[in-house]
Amino acid sequence: MPDNYDSTRTVQEKPGILSRMRPQKRGKVWEYAEAIVLALVLALFIRTFIIQAFKIPSPSMEDTLLVGDHILVNKFLYGFTVPFKDSKILTLREPRRGDVIVFKYPKNRKLDFIKRCIAVGGETVLIKNKELFINGEAVSFEQAKFTDNDRASFLNGRDNFGPVTVPEGMVFVMGDNRDNSNDSRFWGFVDLAYVKGKAVVIYWSWDKSRKWPRFSRIGDAVR
């Protein structure tokens, strides 16, 4: 071996190569991490303030919404709920008669319910033998469905209700499947602060009994 051979040369070159590669690898990892974090933050922001997906678990809104329908809800329209406060800001408009709305169930705010807004603050609701009256005038919704038309079985509370006047800052809601819906007829009004948003579109629908998608419903607007 020559006297002038540097025995540390090979060892020194390898760390040099590694030292040049590591910043590049760290840079790519950091880029991926940034992209993932940004996507998560954006998804959280959209879900919290703009739009949120919900799945229909019960038949109370048939035939407007079926069990297995997946819907998108506009959360921006009715304003943003202030954290830890029962109030809203930046409200574009309040729920109107006929809107299909998602809200926190007043008896258990951990649960989300979906119903149709039937009356708003200041309006008087009366149901007589299944016929709906608002402020003394008969009002019908084409989406309303009745499965029990036996007059002998007309029930107080379900088929005969009121009159009651909706307090300001509240709404009265009912399911479209009128004979099979747990709604304001049984547990009262919904505070506007508990309203999460307006159902706008069905983006997916799954028929559990047939184990097959309902392709014809995908993309339908919720009316």
C-alpha atoms as a PDB file:
ATOM      1  CA  MET A   1       0.000   0.000   0.000  1.00  0.00           C
ATOM      2  CA  PRO A   2       1.443   3.398  -0.936  1.00  0.00           C
ATOM      3  CA  ASP A   3       2.738   5.555   1.917  1.00  0.00           C
ATOM      4  CA  ASN A   4       0.531   8.473   0.823  1.00  0.00           C
ATOM      5  CA  TYR A   5      -2.720   6.417   0.753  1.00  0.00           C
ATOM      6  CA  ASP A   6      -5.459   8.088   2.780  1.00  0.00           C
ATOM      7  CA  SER A   7      -7.297   5.266   4.584  1.00  0.00           C
ATOM      8  CA  THR A   8     -10.154   7.579   5.603  1.00  0.00           C
ATOM      9  CA  ARG A   9     -11.017   8.655   2.058  1.00  0.00           C
ATOM     10  CA  THR A  10     -13.660   6.011   1.319  1.00  0.00           C
ATOM     11  CA  VAL A  11     -15.268   6.418   4.714  1.00  0.00           C
ATOM     12  CA  GLN A  12     -15.394  10.159   4.271  1.00  0.00           C
ATOM     13  CA  GLU A  13     -16.984   9.996   0.806  1.00  0.00           C
ATOM     14  CA  LYS A  14     -19.984   7.927   1.918  1.00  0.00           C
ATOM     15  CA  PRO A  15     -21.130  10.323   4.632  1.00  0.00           C
ATOM     16  CA  GLY A  16     -20.694  13.059   2.069  1.00  0.00           C
ATOM     17  CA  ILE A  17     -23.124  11.321  -0.285  1.00  0.00           C
ATOM     18  CA  LEU A  18     -25.583  10.647   2.541  1.00  0.00           C
ATOM     19  CA  SER A  19     -25.373  14.201   3.750  1.00  0.00           C
ATOM     20  CA  ARG A  20     -26.332  15.395   0.273  1.00  0.00           C
ATOM     21  CA  MET A  21     -29.278  12.961   0.034  1.00  0.00           C
ATOM     22  CA  ARG A  22     -30.849  13.426   3.458  1.00  0.00           C
ATOM     23  CA  PRO A  23     -32.015  17.031   2.981  1.00  0.00           C
ATOM     24  CA  GLN A  24     -33.756  15.985  -0.261  1.00  0.00           C
ATOM     25  CA  LYS A  25     -35.490  13.075   1.439  1.00  0.00           C
ATOM     26  CA  ARG A  26     -36.445  15.256   4.377  1.00  0.00           C
ATOM     27  CA  GLY A  27     -37.754  17.865   1.952  1.00  0.00           C
ATOM     28  CA  LYS A  28     -40.002  15.380   0.161  1.00  0.00           C
ATOM     29  CA  VAL A  29     -41.299  13.929   3.427  1.00  0.00           C
ATOM     30  CA  TRP A  30     -42.028  17.427   4.675  1.00  0.00           C
ATOM     31  CA  GLU A  31     -43.835  18.295   1.432  1.00  0.00           C
ATOM     32  CA  TYR A  32     -46.027  15.194   1.760  1.00  0.00           C
ATOM     33  CA  ALA A  33     -46.699  15.973   5.427  1.00  0.00           C
ATOM     34  CA  GLU A  34     -47.642  19.561   4.572  1.00  0.00           C
ATOM     35  CA  ALA A  35     -50.003  18.376   1.829  1.00  0.00           C
ATOM     36  CA  ILE A  36     -51.688  15.863   4.156  1.00  0.00           C
ATOM     37  CA  VAL A  37     -52.062  18.379   6.990  1.00  0.00           C
ATOM     38  CA  LEU A  38     -53.411  21.020   4.595  1.00  0.00           C
ATOM     39  CA  ALA A  39     -55.913  18.518   3.162  1.00  0.00           C
ATOM     40  CA  LEU A  40     -57.063  17.547   6.656  1.00  0.00           C
ATOM     41  CA  VAL A  41     -57.438  21.161   7.754  1.00  0.00           C
ATOM     42  CA  LEU A  42     -59.323  22.014   4.558  1.00  0.00           C
ATOM     43  CA  ALA A  43     -61.606  18.978   4.972  1.00  0.00           C
ATOM     44  CA  LEU A  44     -62.268  19.920   8.599  1.00  0.00           C
ATOM     45  CA  PHE A  45     -63.025  23.517   7.630  1.00  0.00           C
ATOM     46  CA  ILE A  46     -65.411  22.439   4.869  1.00  0.00           C
ATOM     47  CA  ARG A  47     -67.143  19.931   7.152  1.00  0.00           C
ATOM     48  CA  THR A  48     -67.480  22.450   9.975  1.00  0.00           C
ATOM     49  CA  PHE A  49     -68.533  25.540   8.061  1.00  0.00           C
ATOM     50  CA  ILE A  50     -69.522  24.744   4.456  1.00  0.00           C
ATOM     51  CA  ILE A  51     -70.977  21.315   3.766  1.00  0.00           C
ATOM     52  CA  GLN A  52     -71.317  18.011   5.592  1.00  0.00           C
ATOM     53  CA  ALA A  53     -72.371  14.507   4.635  1.00  0.00           C
ATOM     54  CA  PHE A  54     -75.116  12.615   6.476  1.00  0.00           C
ATOM     55  CA  LYS A  55     -76.658   9.167   6.108  1.00  0.00           C
ATOM     56  CA  ILE A  56     -80.420   8.582   6.462  1.00  0.00           C
ATOM     57  CA  PRO A  57     -81.003   5.884   9.131  1.00  0.00           C
ATOM     58  CA  SER A  58     -84.815   5.858   9.455  1.00  0.00           C
ATOM     59  CA  PRO A  59     -87.957   5.964   7.246  1.00  0.00           C
ATOM     60  CA  SER A  60     -89.399   9.127   8.833  1.00  0.00           C
ATOM     61  CA  MET A  61     -88.740  11.193   5.662  1.00  0.00           C
ATOM     62  CA  GLU A  62     -90.007   8.679   3.101  1.00  0.00           C
ATOM     63  CA  ASP A  63     -90.446   9.008   0.194  1.00  0.00           C
ATOM     64  CA  THR A  64     -88.367  12.186   0.016  1.00  0.00           C
ATOM     65  CA  LEU A  65     -85.414  10.441   1.656  1.00  0.00           C
ATOM     66  CA  LEU A  66     -85.019   6.689   1.969  1.00  0.00           C
ATOM     67  CA  VAL A  67     -83.042   4.619   4.454  1.00  0.00           C
ATOM     68  CA  GLY A  68     -79.567   4.334   2.961  1.00  0.00           C
ATOM     69  CA  ASP A  69     -79.594   7.703   1.203  1.00  0.00           C
ATOM     70  CA  HIS A  70     -76.419   9.728   1.734  1.00  0.00           C
ATOM     71  CA  ILE A  71     -76.940  13.463   1.529  1.00  0.00           C
ATOM     72  CA  LEU A  72     -74.936  16.675   1.529  1.00  0.00           C
ATOM     73  CA  VAL A  73     -76.064  19.440   3.864  1.00  0.00           C
ATOM     74  CA  ASN A  74     -75.369  23.138   3.286  1.00  0.00           C
ATOM     75  CA  LYS A  75     -74.107  24.456   6.646  1.00  0.00           C
ATOM     76  CA  PHE A  76     -73.216  27.918   5.353  1.00  0.00           C
ATOM     77  CA  LEU A  77     -76.763  29.034   4.538  1.00  0.00           C
ATOM     78  CA  TYR A  78     -78.107  29.285   8.091  1.00  0.00           C
ATOM     79  CA  GLY A  79     -74.916  30.732   9.590  1.00  0.00           C
ATOM     80  CA  PHE A  80     -72.139  29.460  11.817  1.00  0.00           C
ATOM     81  CA  THR A  81     -72.736  28.265  15.353  1.00  0.00           C
ATOM     82  CA  VAL A  82     -70.538  30.073  17.867  1.00  0.00           C
ATOM     83  CA  PRO A  83     -68.555  27.461  19.860  1.00  0.00           C
ATOM     84  CA  PHE A  84     -69.838  26.955  23.424  1.00  0.00           C
ATOM     85  CA  LYS A  85     -72.724  29.364  22.758  1.00  0.00           C
ATOM     86  CA  ASP A  86     -76.256  28.796  21.507  1.00  0.00           C
ATOM     87  CA  SER A  87     -76.026  31.528  18.887  1.00  0.00           C
ATOM     88  CA  LYS A  88     -75.062  32.007  15.236  1.00  0.00           C
ATOM     89  CA  ILE A  89     -73.156  34.505  13.139  1.00  0.00           C
ATOM     90  CA  LEU A  90     -73.006  35.359   9.414  1.00  0.00           C
ATOM     91  CA  THR A  91     -76.483  33.995   8.785  1.00  0.00           C
ATOM     92  CA  LEU A  92     -77.569  34.339   5.143  1.00  0.00           C
ATOM     93  CA  ARG A  93     -81.143  33.407   5.975  1.00  0.00           C
ATOM     94  CA  GLU A  94     -83.174  31.407   8.492  1.00  0.00           C
ATOM     95  CA  PRO A  95     -85.034  28.172   7.704  1.00  0.00           C
ATOM     96  CA  ARG A  96     -88.195  28.659   5.684  1.00  0.00           C
ATOM     97  CA  ARG A  97     -91.375  26.660   5.456  1.00  0.00           C
ATOM     98  CA  GLY A  98     -90.658  23.613   3.299  1.00  0.00           C
ATOM     99  CA  ASP A  99     -86.884  23.431   3.899  1.00  0.00           C
ATOM    100  CA  VAL A 100     -85.534  19.986   4.782  1.00  0.00           C
ATOM    101  CA  ILE A 101     -83.199  20.663   7.692  1.00  0.00           C
ATOM    102  CA  VAL A 102     -80.698  18.783   9.843  1.00  0.00           C
ATOM    103  CA  PHE A 103     -80.610  19.756  13.511  1.00  0.00           C
ATOM    104  CA  LYS A 104     -79.571  18.615  16.949  1.00  0.00           C
ATOM    105  CA  TYR A 105     -82.356  16.637  18.581  1.00  0.00           C
ATOM    106  CA  PRO A 106     -83.603  18.881  21.423  1.00  0.00           C
ATOM    107  CA  LYS A 107     -83.931  15.941  23.836  1.00  0.00           C
ATOM    108  CA  ASN A 108     -80.388  14.717  23.159  1.00  0.00           C
ATOM    109  CA  ARG A 109     -78.071  17.117  21.358  1.00  0.00           C
ATOM    110  CA  LYS A 110     -75.611  14.332  20.589  1.00  0.00           C
ATOM    111  CA  LEU A 111     -78.097  13.054  17.988  1.00  0.00           C
ATOM    112  CA  ASP A 112     -78.796  14.624  14.593  1.00  0.00           C
ATOM    113  CA  PHE A 113     -82.344  14.566  13.193  1.00  0.00           C
ATOM    114  CA  ILE A 114     -83.634  15.492   9.747  1.00  0.00           C
ATOM    115  CA  LYS A 115     -87.175  16.793   9.172  1.00  0.00           C
ATOM    116  CA  ARG A 116     -89.091  19.308   7.091  1.00  0.00           C
ATOM    117  CA  CYS A 117     -89.633  22.817   8.432  1.00  0.00           C
ATOM    118  CA  ILE A 118     -93.405  23.240   8.670  1.00  0.00           C
ATOM    119  CA  ALA A 119     -93.740  26.571  10.467  1.00  0.00           C
ATOM    120  CA  VAL A 120     -91.466  29.345  11.743  1.00  0.00           C
ATOM    121  CA  GLY A 121     -91.573  31.766  14.640  1.00  0.00           C
ATOM    122  CA  GLY A 122     -94.901  33.546  15.092  1.00  0.00           C
ATOM    123  CA  GLU A 123     -96.945  31.051  13.037  1.00  0.00           C
ATOM    124  CA  THR A 124     -99.740  28.975  14.563  1.00  0.00           C
ATOM    125  CA  VAL A 125     -99.950  25.262  13.813  1.00  0.00           C
ATOM    126  CA  LEU A 126    -103.097  23.149  13.973  1.00  0.00           C
ATOM    127  CA  ILE A 127    -103.588  19.571  12.787  1.00  0.00           C
ATOM    128  CA  LYS A 128    -107.137  18.307  12.518  1.00  0.00           C
ATOM    129  CA  ASN A 129    -107.730  14.748  11.330  1.00  0.00           C
ATOM    130  CA  LYS A 130    -104.335  14.772   9.601  1.00  0.00           C
ATOM    131  CA  GLU A 131    -105.042  18.057   7.792  1.00  0.00           C
ATOM    132  CA  LEU A 132    -102.495  20.784   8.475  1.00  0.00           C
ATOM    133  CA  PHE A 133    -103.488  24.397   9.110  1.00  0.00           C
ATOM    134  CA  ILE A 134    -101.046  27.269   9.517  1.00  0.00           C
ATOM    135  CA  ASN A 135    -102.422  30.572  10.737  1.00  0.00           C
ATOM    136  CA  GLY A 136    -105.900  29.181  10.132  1.00  0.00           C
ATOM    137  CA  GLU A 137    -105.311  28.291   6.483  1.00  0.00           C
ATOM    138  CA  ALA A 138    -105.065  24.728   5.145  1.00  0.00           C
ATOM    139  CA  VAL A 139    -101.537  23.972   3.954  1.00  0.00           C
ATOM    140  CA  SER A 140    -100.480  20.852   2.086  1.00  0.00           C
ATOM    141  CA  PHE A 141     -97.062  19.519   1.143  1.00  0.00           C
ATOM    142  CA  GLU A 142     -96.855  17.299  -1.900  1.00  0.00           C
ATOM    143  CA  GLN A 143     -94.131  15.282  -0.197  1.00  0.00           C
ATOM    144  CA  ALA A 144     -96.362  14.304   2.751  1.00  0.00           C
ATOM    145  CA  LYS A 145     -97.067  10.569   2.969  1.00  0.00           C
ATOM    146  CA  PHE A 146     -99.810   8.876   5.013  1.00  0.00           C
ATOM    147  CA  THR A 147     -99.870   5.138   5.647  1.00  0.00           C
ATOM    148  CA  ASP A 148    -102.681   4.961   8.214  1.00  0.00           C
ATOM    149  CA  ASN A 149    -105.906   6.347   6.752  1.00  0.00           C
ATOM    150  CA  ASP A 150    -108.306   4.562   9.079  1.00  0.00           C
ATOM    151  CA  ARG A 151    -110.311   7.361  10.688  1.00  0.00           C
ATOM    152  CA  ALA A 152    -111.033   5.141  13.686  1.00  0.00           C
ATOM    153  CA  SER A 153    -107.337   5.158  14.488  1.00  0.00           C
ATOM    154  CA  PHE A 154    -106.779   8.928  14.255  1.00  0.00           C
ATOM    155  CA  LEU A 155    -104.703   9.775  17.313  1.00  0.00           C
ATOM    156  CA  ASN A 156    -104.462  12.921  19.370  1.00  0.00           C
ATOM    157  CA  GLY A 157    -100.958  14.294  19.128  1.00  0.00           C
ATOM    158  CA  ARG A 158    -100.253  12.618  15.815  1.00  0.00           C
ATOM    159  CA  ASP A 159    -103.367  13.266  13.694  1.00  0.00           C
ATOM    160  CA  ASN A 160    -104.956  15.929  15.904  1.00  0.00           C
ATOM    161  CA  PHE A 161    -102.649  18.517  17.396  1.00  0.00           C
ATOM    162  CA  GLY A 162    -102.699  22.091  18.628  1.00  0.00           C
ATOM    163  CA  PRO A 163    -103.235  24.855  18.015  1.00  0.00           C
ATOM    164  CA  VAL A 164     -99.801  26.028  19.135  1.00  0.00           C
ATOM    165  CA  THR A 165     -97.888  29.169  18.215  1.00  0.00           C
ATOM    166  CA  VAL A 166     -94.219  28.729  17.343  1.00  0.00           C
ATOM    167  CA  PRO A 167     -92.034  30.978  19.542  1.00  0.00           C
ATOM    168  CA  GLU A 168     -89.683  33.432  17.850  1.00  0.00           C
ATOM    169  CA  GLY A 169     -86.283  31.881  17.244  1.00  0.00           C
ATOM    170  CA  MET A 170     -87.830  28.428  16.882  1.00  0.00           C
ATOM    171  CA  VAL A 171     -89.233  26.222  14.100  1.00  0.00           C
ATOM    172  CA  PHE A 172     -91.849  23.458  14.016  1.00  0.00           C
ATOM    173  CA  VAL A 173     -90.754  20.351  12.099  1.00  0.00           C
ATOM    174  CA  MET A 174     -92.401  17.175  10.834  1.00  0.00           C
ATOM    175  CA  GLY A 175     -91.295  14.129   8.890  1.00  0.00           C
ATOM    176  CA  ASP A 176     -92.737  13.611   5.418  1.00  0.00           C
ATOM    177  CA  ASN A 177     -93.780  10.111   6.497  1.00  0.00           C
ATOM    178  CA  ARG A 178     -96.387  11.716   8.725  1.00  0.00           C
ATOM    179  CA  ASP A 179     -97.734   8.571  10.415  1.00  0.00           C
ATOM    180  CA  ASN A 180     -94.250   7.278  11.252  1.00  0.00           C
ATOM    181  CA  SER A 181     -92.220  10.252  12.386  1.00  0.00           C
ATOM    182  CA  ASN A 182     -90.947  11.351  15.784  1.00  0.00           C
ATOM    183  CA  ASP A 183     -91.122  15.134  15.440  1.00  0.00           C
ATOM    184  CA  SER A 184     -92.351  18.436  16.898  1.00  0.00           C
ATOM    185  CA  ARG A 185     -95.806  16.983  17.503  1.00  0.00           C
ATOM    186  CA  PHE A 186     -94.260  14.873  20.265  1.00  0.00           C
ATOM    187  CA  TRP A 187     -91.274  16.770  21.648  1.00  0.00           C
ATOM    188  CA  GLY A 188     -91.787  20.416  20.726  1.00  0.00           C
ATOM    189  CA  PHE A 189     -89.948  23.099  18.781  1.00  0.00           C
ATOM    190  CA  VAL A 190     -86.397  23.291  17.443  1.00  0.00           C
ATOM    191  CA  ASP A 191     -84.206  26.215  18.460  1.00  0.00           C
ATOM    192  CA  LEU A 192     -82.589  27.890  15.453  1.00  0.00           C
ATOM    193  CA  ALA A 193     -79.261  27.625  17.255  1.00  0.00           C
ATOM    194  CA  TYR A 194     -79.525  23.827  16.956  1.00  0.00           C
ATOM    195  CA  VAL A 195     -80.133  23.846  13.199  1.00  0.00           C
ATOM    196  CA  LYS A 196     -77.043  22.572  11.362  1.00  0.00           C
ATOM    197  CA  GLY A 197     -78.028  23.119   7.761  1.00  0.00           C
ATOM    198  CA  LYS A 198     -80.265  22.497   4.770  1.00  0.00           C
ATOM    199  CA  ALA A 199     -80.266  19.182   2.912  1.00  0.00           C
ATOM    200  CA  VAL A 200     -79.414  19.862  -0.739  1.00  0.00           C
ATOM    201  CA  VAL A 201     -78.553  16.716  -2.698  1.00  0.00           C
ATOM    202  CA  ILE A 202     -78.379  12.919  -2.546  1.00  0.00           C
ATOM    203  CA  TYR A 203     -74.818  11.939  -3.516  1.00  0.00           C
ATOM    204  CA  TRP A 204     -75.144   8.189  -2.860  1.00  0.00           C
ATOM    205  CA  SER A 205     -77.916   5.725  -2.063  1.00  0.00           C
ATOM    206  CA  TRP A 206     -77.667   2.117  -0.948  1.00  0.00           C
ATOM    207  CA  ASP A 207     -80.575  -0.325  -0.878  1.00  0.00           C
ATOM    208  CA  LYS A 208     -79.713  -2.665   1.992  1.00  0.00           C
ATOM    209  CA  SER A 209     -82.456  -5.175   1.180  1.00  0.00           C
ATOM    210  CA  ARG A 210     -81.250  -5.587  -2.406  1.00  0.00           C
ATOM    211  CA  LYS A 211     -77.593  -4.991  -1.542  1.00  0.00           C
ATOM    212  CA  TRP A 212     -77.332  -2.710  -4.526  1.00  0.00           C
ATOM    213  CA  PRO A 213     -76.991   1.047  -5.165  1.00  0.00           C
ATOM    214  CA  ARG A 214     -80.052   3.083  -6.114  1.00  0.00           C
ATOM    215  CA  PHE A 215     -78.349   4.705  -9.086  1.00  0.00           C
ATOM    216  CA  SER A 216     -81.503   6.583 -10.101  1.00  0.00           C
ATOM    217  CA  ARG A 217     -81.415   8.613  -6.873  1.00  0.00           C
ATOM    218  CA  ILE A 218     -77.794   9.713  -7.074  1.00  0.00           C
ATOM    219  CA  GLY A 219     -77.585  13.429  -7.825  1.00  0.00           C
ATOM    220  CA  ASP A 220     -81.236  14.131  -6.975  1.00  0.00           C
ATOM    221  CA  ALA A 221     -81.884  17.462  -5.266  1.00  0.00           C
ATOM    222  CA  VAL A 222     -83.640  17.268  -1.894  1.00  0.00           C
ATOM    223  CA  ARG A 223     -86.957  19.107  -2.185  1.00  0.00           C
END
